[in-house]
Every structure is written in C-alpha cells, then in structure tokens.
Protein backbone atom coordinates (compact mmCIF):
# COMPACT_ATOMS: atom_id res chain seq x y z
CA MET A 1 129.26 98.21 88.36
CA VAL A 2 132.50 97.46 90.11
CA GLN A 3 135.11 96.33 87.62
CA HIS A 4 137.62 93.77 88.83
CA ARG A 5 140.20 91.35 87.51
CA LEU A 6 140.04 87.69 88.28
CA HIS A 7 142.95 86.55 90.39
CA PRO A 8 144.45 83.05 90.00
CA LEU A 9 143.18 80.76 92.71
CA ARG A 10 145.74 79.41 95.10
CA GLY A 11 146.29 75.77 94.29
CA GLY A 12 146.12 76.35 90.53
CA ARG A 13 149.04 76.37 88.17
CA ASN A 14 149.90 79.92 89.23
CA HIS A 15 150.01 78.99 92.88
CA ARG A 16 153.10 80.24 94.69
CA GLN A 17 155.00 77.47 96.45
CA SER A 18 156.52 79.72 99.11
CA VAL A 19 155.27 79.58 102.67
CA GLY A 20 154.05 82.68 104.51
CA PRO A 21 151.96 85.73 103.65
CA PRO A 22 151.63 86.74 100.00
CA PRO A 23 153.68 89.69 98.78
CA VAL A 24 152.21 93.20 98.78
CA GLU A 25 151.69 93.22 95.02
CA GLU A 26 149.53 90.10 95.26
CA LEU A 27 147.41 91.67 97.97
CA LEU A 28 146.98 94.76 95.83
CA LEU A 29 145.69 92.61 92.99
CA ASP A 30 143.14 91.14 95.40
CA ILE A 31 141.70 94.51 96.47
CA PRO A 32 139.22 94.89 93.57
CA ARG A 33 137.94 91.35 94.15
CA ILE A 34 137.55 91.98 97.88
CA GLU A 35 135.77 95.27 97.20
CA HIS A 36 133.37 93.56 94.83
CA GLN A 37 132.58 90.83 97.35
CA LEU A 38 131.95 93.34 100.12
CA LEU A 39 129.61 95.40 97.95
CA SER A 40 127.82 92.27 96.81
CA HIS A 41 127.08 91.24 100.38
CA LEU A 42 126.28 94.67 101.82
CA PRO A 43 122.62 94.68 100.69
CA THR A 44 122.13 91.29 102.35
CA LEU A 45 123.25 92.80 105.63
CA VAL A 46 120.51 95.45 105.40
CA GLY A 47 117.75 93.05 104.34
CA PHE A 48 118.15 92.93 100.57
CA PRO A 49 119.39 90.03 98.44
CA ALA A 50 122.94 90.14 97.10
CA VAL A 51 123.69 92.70 94.41
CA THR A 52 123.59 91.27 90.91
CA GLY A 53 123.48 94.47 88.88
CA ARG A 54 120.03 93.66 87.55
CA LEU A 55 119.27 97.35 86.94
CA THR A 56 122.75 98.57 86.06
CA GLY A 57 122.43 101.62 83.83
CA LYS A 58 118.63 101.78 84.13
CA ARG A 59 117.11 105.22 84.65
CA THR A 60 114.09 104.94 86.92
CA ILE A 61 111.36 106.78 88.80
CA VAL A 62 109.75 105.54 92.02
CA THR A 63 106.73 107.42 93.35
CA GLY A 64 105.83 107.22 97.01
CA ALA A 65 109.55 106.83 97.68
CA GLY A 66 109.45 108.67 100.99
CA SER A 67 108.27 105.69 103.02
CA GLY A 68 107.03 102.12 103.00
CA ILE A 69 107.18 100.05 99.84
CA GLY A 70 108.31 102.96 97.69
CA LYS A 71 111.30 103.68 99.89
CA ALA A 72 112.29 100.02 99.94
CA ALA A 73 111.99 99.85 96.15
CA ALA A 74 114.07 102.99 95.59
CA GLN A 75 116.81 101.61 97.82
CA LEU A 76 116.75 98.20 96.16
CA PHE A 77 116.74 99.66 92.65
CA ALA A 78 119.82 101.70 93.51
CA ALA A 79 121.52 98.71 95.15
CA GLU A 80 121.03 96.86 91.87
CA GLY A 81 122.67 99.64 89.86
CA ALA A 82 119.81 101.95 88.84
CA LEU A 83 119.67 105.72 88.84
CA VAL A 84 116.56 106.64 90.82
CA MET A 85 114.25 109.64 90.98
CA CYS A 86 112.70 109.48 94.46
CA ALA A 87 109.32 111.21 94.22
CA ASP A 88 106.85 111.74 97.04
CA ILE A 89 104.17 114.23 98.04
CA ASN A 90 106.35 114.74 101.12
CA GLY A 91 109.37 116.32 99.49
CA ASP A 92 111.46 116.13 102.65
CA ALA A 93 110.84 112.38 102.93
CA ALA A 94 111.77 111.91 99.27
CA ALA A 95 114.96 113.90 99.82
CA ALA A 96 115.81 111.78 102.86
CA THR A 97 115.49 108.59 100.83
CA ALA A 98 117.67 110.03 98.08
CA ALA A 99 120.26 111.15 100.63
CA GLU A 100 120.42 107.64 102.08
CA ILE A 101 121.00 106.23 98.60
CA GLY A 102 123.67 108.75 97.64
CA ASP A 103 124.88 109.89 94.24
CA GLN A 104 122.64 107.51 92.29
CA ALA A 105 119.47 109.31 93.40
CA ILE A 106 117.69 112.62 93.02
CA SER A 107 114.38 113.66 94.58
CA LEU A 108 111.33 115.81 94.02
CA GLY A 109 108.15 116.65 95.88
CA VAL A 110 105.32 115.41 93.65
CA ASP A 111 101.54 115.35 93.97
CA VAL A 112 100.57 112.59 91.54
CA THR A 113 97.08 114.04 91.12
CA GLN A 114 98.61 117.09 89.43
CA PRO A 115 99.59 116.72 85.76
CA GLY A 116 102.14 119.51 86.04
CA ASP A 117 103.92 117.78 88.92
CA CYS A 118 104.05 114.46 87.06
CA GLN A 119 105.33 116.07 83.89
CA ALA A 120 108.02 117.96 85.82
CA MET A 121 109.04 114.75 87.58
CA THR A 122 109.43 112.95 84.28
CA GLU A 123 111.26 115.74 82.47
CA GLN A 124 113.66 116.38 85.36
CA THR A 125 114.45 112.68 85.54
CA ALA A 126 115.10 112.37 81.82
CA SER A 127 117.23 115.51 81.87
CA ALA A 128 119.30 114.44 84.88
CA PHE A 129 119.80 110.83 83.77
CA GLY A 130 119.85 111.25 80.01
CA GLY A 131 116.61 109.36 79.46
CA LEU A 132 114.20 107.01 81.19
CA ASP A 133 113.80 103.23 81.26
CA ALA A 134 111.33 102.32 84.02
CA VAL A 135 108.70 103.82 86.30
CA TYR A 136 107.29 102.28 89.47
CA SER A 137 103.99 104.11 89.99
CA ASN A 138 103.53 103.28 93.64
CA ALA A 139 102.20 106.36 95.48
CA GLY A 140 98.82 105.83 97.11
CA VAL A 141 96.49 106.77 99.95
CA ASP A 142 94.27 104.85 102.33
CA GLY A 143 90.58 104.56 101.53
CA PRO A 144 88.38 102.96 104.19
CA GLY A 145 84.61 103.13 103.98
CA ARG A 146 81.65 101.24 102.53
CA ALA A 147 80.10 102.55 99.32
CA GLY A 148 76.96 103.86 101.00
CA ASP A 149 78.92 105.70 103.67
CA LEU A 150 81.41 107.55 101.46
CA SER A 151 81.09 111.20 100.57
CA LEU A 152 81.78 112.27 96.99
CA GLU A 153 84.79 114.20 98.29
CA GLU A 154 86.28 111.08 99.88
CA TRP A 155 85.52 108.97 96.81
CA ASN A 156 87.25 111.49 94.55
CA ARG A 157 90.25 111.74 96.90
CA VAL A 158 90.89 108.00 96.79
CA ILE A 159 90.22 107.59 93.07
CA GLY A 160 92.28 110.70 92.34
CA VAL A 161 95.45 109.33 93.90
CA ASN A 162 95.04 105.58 93.54
CA LEU A 163 93.81 105.48 89.94
CA THR A 164 94.22 108.84 88.21
CA GLY A 165 97.54 109.39 89.96
CA LYS A 166 98.80 105.99 88.84
CA TRP A 167 98.01 106.96 85.25
CA LEU A 168 99.54 110.44 85.44
CA ALA A 169 102.76 109.10 86.95
CA VAL A 170 103.37 106.98 83.84
CA LYS A 171 101.62 109.05 81.14
CA PHE A 172 104.48 111.48 80.56
CA ALA A 173 107.07 108.70 80.67
CA ILE A 174 105.73 106.91 77.60
CA PRO A 175 107.43 109.12 74.96
CA HIS A 176 110.76 108.74 76.77
CA LEU A 177 110.44 104.96 76.90
CA ILE A 178 109.58 104.87 73.20
CA GLU A 179 112.66 106.99 72.51
CA ALA A 180 114.77 104.57 74.56
CA GLY A 181 113.52 101.64 72.49
CA GLY A 182 111.23 100.30 75.20
CA GLY A 183 111.05 99.96 78.94
CA SER A 184 108.91 98.96 81.88
CA LEU A 185 105.96 100.52 83.68
CA VAL A 186 105.03 98.96 87.02
CA LEU A 187 101.76 100.05 88.63
CA GLN A 188 100.85 99.37 92.23
CA ALA A 189 97.44 97.74 92.53
CA SER A 190 96.27 95.58 95.45
CA VAL A 191 94.75 92.25 96.29
CA GLY A 192 91.75 94.45 97.12
CA GLY A 193 91.33 94.94 93.38
CA VAL A 194 91.14 91.17 92.88
CA ILE A 195 88.99 89.91 95.76
CA GLY A 196 86.38 91.48 97.99
CA VAL A 197 87.76 93.12 101.13
CA PRO A 198 85.43 94.58 103.76
CA GLY A 199 85.05 98.33 104.02
CA ILE A 200 87.32 99.71 101.26
CA ALA A 201 84.90 100.51 98.41
CA ALA A 202 86.72 103.43 96.79
CA TYR A 203 90.14 101.85 97.34
CA ALA A 204 89.04 98.55 95.80
CA ALA A 205 87.44 100.32 92.84
CA ALA A 206 90.63 102.28 92.22
CA LYS A 207 92.85 99.21 92.43
CA ALA A 208 90.61 97.21 90.10
CA GLY A 209 90.85 100.16 87.74
CA VAL A 210 94.64 100.04 87.92
CA ILE A 211 94.54 96.39 86.84
CA GLY A 212 92.31 97.27 83.89
CA LEU A 213 94.56 100.19 82.95
CA THR A 214 97.61 97.94 83.14
CA ARG A 215 96.14 95.40 80.74
CA GLN A 216 95.00 98.07 78.30
CA MET A 217 98.36 99.83 78.26
CA ALA A 218 100.13 96.50 77.75
CA VAL A 219 98.10 96.00 74.57
CA ASP A 220 98.51 99.58 73.38
CA TYR A 221 102.26 99.89 73.96
CA GLY A 222 103.50 96.35 73.45
CA PRO A 223 104.43 97.20 69.84
CA ASP A 224 106.72 99.90 71.28
CA ASN A 225 108.48 97.31 73.44
CA ILE A 226 106.98 98.81 76.59
CA ARG A 227 105.95 96.30 79.21
CA VAL A 228 103.20 97.22 81.68
CA ASN A 229 102.47 95.16 84.79
CA ALA A 230 100.63 95.54 88.07
CA ILE A 231 101.58 94.38 91.55
CA CYS A 232 98.74 93.28 93.85
CA PRO A 233 100.04 93.07 97.43
CA GLY A 234 98.24 91.56 100.38
CA THR A 235 98.67 92.98 103.86
CA VAL A 236 101.96 94.78 104.38
CA PRO A 237 101.97 96.89 107.58
CA THR A 238 103.05 100.13 105.92
CA PRO A 239 101.96 103.60 107.11
CA LEU A 240 99.11 103.43 104.56
CA VAL A 241 97.80 100.13 105.94
CA ARG A 242 98.08 101.39 109.50
CA ALA A 243 96.07 104.48 108.53
CA THR A 244 93.35 102.24 107.07
CA TYR A 245 93.22 100.17 110.24
CA GLU A 246 93.08 103.28 112.42
CA LYS A 247 89.85 104.15 110.59
CA ARG A 248 88.60 100.57 111.01
CA GLY A 249 88.78 99.79 107.30
CA GLY A 250 90.04 96.71 105.49
CA PHE A 251 90.26 93.43 107.35
CA SER A 252 90.18 95.28 110.66
CA ALA A 253 86.41 95.27 110.17
CA THR A 254 86.21 91.49 110.47
CA ALA A 255 85.96 89.26 113.53
CA ASN A 256 89.73 88.73 113.46
CA ALA A 257 90.10 91.50 116.02
CA PRO A 258 87.69 92.98 118.60
CA GLU A 259 86.10 96.36 117.98
CA ASP A 260 88.29 98.05 120.60
CA ALA A 261 91.54 96.50 119.33
CA THR A 262 94.59 98.68 118.81
CA VAL A 263 96.13 98.97 115.36
CA ASP A 264 98.98 96.66 116.41
CA GLU A 265 96.46 94.09 117.66
CA MET A 266 94.53 94.31 114.39
CA ILE A 267 97.70 93.85 112.36
CA GLU A 268 98.65 90.83 114.46
CA ALA A 269 95.16 89.38 114.00
CA ALA A 270 95.45 89.80 110.22
CA VAL A 271 98.21 87.18 110.11
CA VAL A 272 95.63 84.37 110.29
CA ARG A 273 94.31 85.36 106.87
CA HIS A 274 97.67 84.52 105.28
CA PRO A 275 98.33 80.77 104.90
CA ILE A 276 102.06 81.36 104.74
CA GLY A 277 101.90 82.46 108.37
CA ARG A 278 103.15 86.02 108.24
CA LEU A 279 102.38 89.42 106.78
CA GLY A 280 104.31 90.82 103.87
CA THR A 281 107.30 93.11 104.15
CA THR A 282 108.22 96.12 102.07
CA THR A 283 111.20 94.16 100.74
CA ASP A 284 108.89 91.35 99.55
CA ILE A 285 107.09 93.81 97.31
CA ALA A 286 110.21 95.74 96.29
CA GLN A 287 111.81 92.54 95.03
CA LEU A 288 108.87 91.91 92.71
CA ALA A 289 108.99 95.52 91.50
CA LEU A 290 112.70 95.04 90.81
CA HIS A 291 112.02 91.92 88.74
CA LEU A 292 109.35 93.68 86.69
CA ALA A 293 111.53 96.74 86.13
CA SER A 294 114.47 94.62 85.02
CA ASP A 295 115.14 92.85 81.73
CA GLU A 296 114.52 89.53 83.51
CA SER A 297 110.82 90.07 82.87
CA SER A 298 111.22 90.90 79.17
CA TRP A 299 108.33 88.60 78.18
CA THR A 300 106.01 89.59 81.02
CA THR A 301 103.39 92.21 80.24
CA GLY A 302 99.74 92.80 81.05
CA ALA A 303 100.10 90.77 84.25
CA ALA A 304 98.46 91.57 87.58
CA ILE A 305 100.68 89.62 89.95
CA VAL A 306 99.19 88.77 93.33
CA ILE A 307 101.76 88.69 96.13
CA ASP A 308 99.79 88.10 99.31
CA GLY A 309 101.07 85.08 101.23
CA GLY A 310 98.09 83.08 99.97
CA MET A 311 95.42 85.40 101.37
CA SER A 312 93.41 85.55 98.15
CA VAL A 313 93.16 81.76 97.84
CA ALA A 314 92.49 80.91 101.48
C-alpha cells in the first residue's frame, strides 16, 4: 500500500496567502498524494475499478491464470494488493501473466488433475509468500456433448478437470489456511450447474458437483474460519466458451443461431438469452472473485452465486 501524508487543503487555516506557484517544498509534500491518486486510478484506465487495497497483504493462488477469467482475476487481485501465484497448464501463459503483474506475482505450470502438481503449487506459494490466505480454483476445460453421445474418455476428461481438479487445487491449501487462522476458497462453477443447458452433459454434471462440494466444504471447514463459495457465470466469451461453440455445444445448439453459423455469430446470438442485454466480461467475474477472496465477504460461505446477466431467470 502506498503510504502518504495528508496535505492541508488550500483554503483551510494553513492556506498560504501569497499569490503565485507554491514553493518547491510544498510541491514535494504533494508528491506522495499525487502518486497515490495516480495508482488509484490506473486500474480504472485498464478496465478495473479503482484500487482500494481490498487484498493488501493477502497471499493467493489463481488457477487458469494464463487466459480468460483467471488472467483477469490474477491481475485484479494484484491491483488490489495481493501476492499472486499464477498457475496454468500452459506454463508460458502463466509466466506471461505474472510478468505483466510484476514483483507481486510468481507462476507455475500446473495440471490440476495431478495431485503432485497441485501440492507443489501450494507449497511453492506458501514458501514464497510466507503462507496462504485464498485460492481461486478456476481452471477448466470445455465439455460439449449429450450424455448418450459421450465416450467414457471424454466424460472422464471433463470431470477430471472441472470437478476433481477443482478439489485438488484447494485440497492442499486447507492446512495452510487453518494455520493462517482462516481464509477463502473460491471455486468456479457455472450457470450450467444450476439450470439445464443443451449439449453439455459432462460439463453440467461437473459444475453441479462443484456446487455440492462447495456447500459440503463450507460446513466442514466453517469452524476453522475457512469460507468456501462457488461462482456460477453465464456466457462469457472466453477461449473455453469459444471452444465449446466450435464443437456446437452449449447454447450454440439452440435456434438462436443457424447450424452453419460461425463462432462469432453464435456468440452474438447468445446475447438474446441475457435480459441485461450483453454477455459477461472476464472483469465481471473477476470482481466477484475478488469480493469472495476479500474480508468483505467474511459472513458469506456455502454460497453458489449466479452471475449471468439474468439468463437463468429468463
């Protein structure tokens, strides 16, 4: 956090009566205040709300940080003062996100289906940052296909990342959060785990499982002051959503777009399913993840929060 001294406002009892520019020493006193104001407004210029230090001192992990929602969350967490482990199966993408953030971030290539990878991610984070306070278990894969059309291999792939991987990414963090006196676990679910969505059987099953896991962990670890919540986004045109649409899964399978529509045309057609009149953005979801990771949500646990522009109630 930038430390600065308050400077007497001109017009107050310390106001100088002389006319002309202030002396150099007065300008020097103003520099910390100016620096603070510039830093506070910088995130707004790149699409984030103003810095408030909501995660100052928090030690965090974000999985899937190489792109999409995970990247936006890692950047926002850091902008709000957190130290961030950027984890992604694409280690180069994770490193790129960390490099953009700067000294507050480290990175690691992590396959969330592998217990060894998840344990290494957690231990390296705790070692580098001196502990752990919050994990955003966000990494996921696309999963189009109706139940009768899926192979066992495809079913296991989707469940492995989108349910088992969500669990493994937080499993090894629990002892560290207990040691820290509590913390926050945020798991990425989906509106597809809440309502029926055409053509995503394995994906929907995994996301419904994440919601169940979230509620169970909230009960089990509430006495340890660990909060566990799930985020259930609607349509956000991330690389994962585009991959689903390319395979004609999700709402691309409806009459909202013709069978020969391009991915961009399908995404545009999906807008009509959202009463608010637009699709979600990665920043929309990252802001909710920030709230749940921060102490602002200290009495929120076991929640599966739908953030979908009204799609699930239309």
